[in-house]
Amino acid sequence: MQGNNMDPILQFFAYEHLPPHLRDVSRPFGEMAKSIVDTLPRNPERTVALRKLLESKDAAVRAFLFKDAI
């Protein structure tokens, strides 16, 4: 393993505290983030990968919660 699970950005991928319907959306992103930290060396490109993954997770949650305008 290259990384360590102490990367501060991982706090934003936590999903255990979420209600089940949001946990199901967020879990794959959290698992991927942990995999990235565990397998890639810590460097600027890993940080970019994690930030973009976080952006994607946020968009997926918003897509799930999206309600059409009335």
Protein backbone atom coordinates (compact mmCIF):
# COMPACT_ATOMS: atom_id res chain seq x y z
CA MET A 1 0.00 0.00 0.00
CA GLN A 2 1.30 3.38 -1.00
CA GLY A 3 -0.88 5.79 0.95
CA ASN A 4 -2.27 5.98 4.41
CA ASN A 5 -5.83 6.34 5.58
CA MET A 6 -5.00 9.58 7.36
CA ASP A 7 -5.50 11.79 4.31
CA PRO A 8 -7.73 14.61 5.61
CA ILE A 9 -9.89 14.69 2.48
CA LEU A 10 -11.28 11.26 3.38
CA GLN A 11 -13.48 12.91 6.01
CA PHE A 12 -15.62 14.26 3.18
CA PHE A 13 -16.21 10.76 1.82
CA ALA A 14 -17.69 9.43 5.08
CA TYR A 15 -21.09 7.86 4.50
CA GLU A 16 -21.82 5.82 7.63
CA HIS A 17 -23.73 8.70 9.24
CA LEU A 18 -26.04 9.24 6.28
CA PRO A 19 -29.59 7.93 5.96
CA PRO A 20 -29.75 4.69 3.95
CA HIS A 21 -30.91 6.27 0.68
CA LEU A 22 -27.98 8.71 0.65
CA ARG A 23 -25.55 6.15 2.01
CA ASP A 24 -26.21 3.98 -1.04
CA VAL A 25 -25.32 6.87 -3.34
CA SER A 26 -22.22 7.95 -1.40
CA ARG A 27 -20.71 4.56 -0.51
CA PRO A 28 -19.09 3.78 -3.90
CA PHE A 29 -17.33 7.14 -3.88
CA GLY A 30 -16.04 6.60 -0.35
CA GLU A 31 -14.78 3.16 -1.25
CA MET A 32 -13.03 4.51 -4.34
CA ALA A 33 -11.45 7.33 -2.33
CA LYS A 34 -10.07 4.82 0.18
CA SER A 35 -8.73 2.71 -2.67
CA ILE A 36 -7.00 5.72 -4.21
CA VAL A 37 -5.38 6.63 -0.89
CA ASP A 38 -4.34 3.02 -0.28
CA THR A 39 -2.84 2.38 -3.70
CA LEU A 40 -1.45 5.63 -5.06
CA PRO A 41 1.49 7.63 -3.77
CA ARG A 42 0.68 10.92 -2.11
CA ASN A 43 1.36 13.64 -4.65
CA PRO A 44 -0.44 16.53 -6.36
CA GLU A 45 -2.09 14.27 -8.93
CA ARG A 46 -3.57 12.03 -6.25
CA THR A 47 -4.98 15.14 -4.62
CA VAL A 48 -6.55 16.19 -7.92
CA ALA A 49 -8.05 12.71 -8.34
CA LEU A 50 -9.57 12.85 -4.86
CA ARG A 51 -10.92 16.38 -5.32
CA LYS A 52 -12.55 15.47 -8.61
CA LEU A 53 -14.01 12.33 -7.07
CA LEU A 54 -15.41 14.45 -4.24
CA GLU A 55 -16.93 16.81 -6.78
CA SER A 56 -18.48 13.81 -8.55
CA LYS A 57 -19.87 12.42 -5.30
CA ASP A 58 -21.47 15.75 -4.46
CA ALA A 59 -23.03 15.93 -7.93
CA ALA A 60 -24.36 12.37 -7.62
CA VAL A 61 -26.00 13.16 -4.28
CA ARG A 62 -27.54 16.31 -5.75
CA ALA A 63 -28.77 14.31 -8.75
CA PHE A 64 -30.41 11.84 -6.39
CA LEU A 65 -32.08 14.63 -4.42
CA PHE A 66 -33.07 16.64 -7.50
CA LYS A 67 -36.71 17.60 -7.77
CA ASP A 68 -38.21 18.95 -10.96
CA ALA A 69 -39.59 22.46 -10.75
CA ILE A 70 -43.33 22.61 -10.37
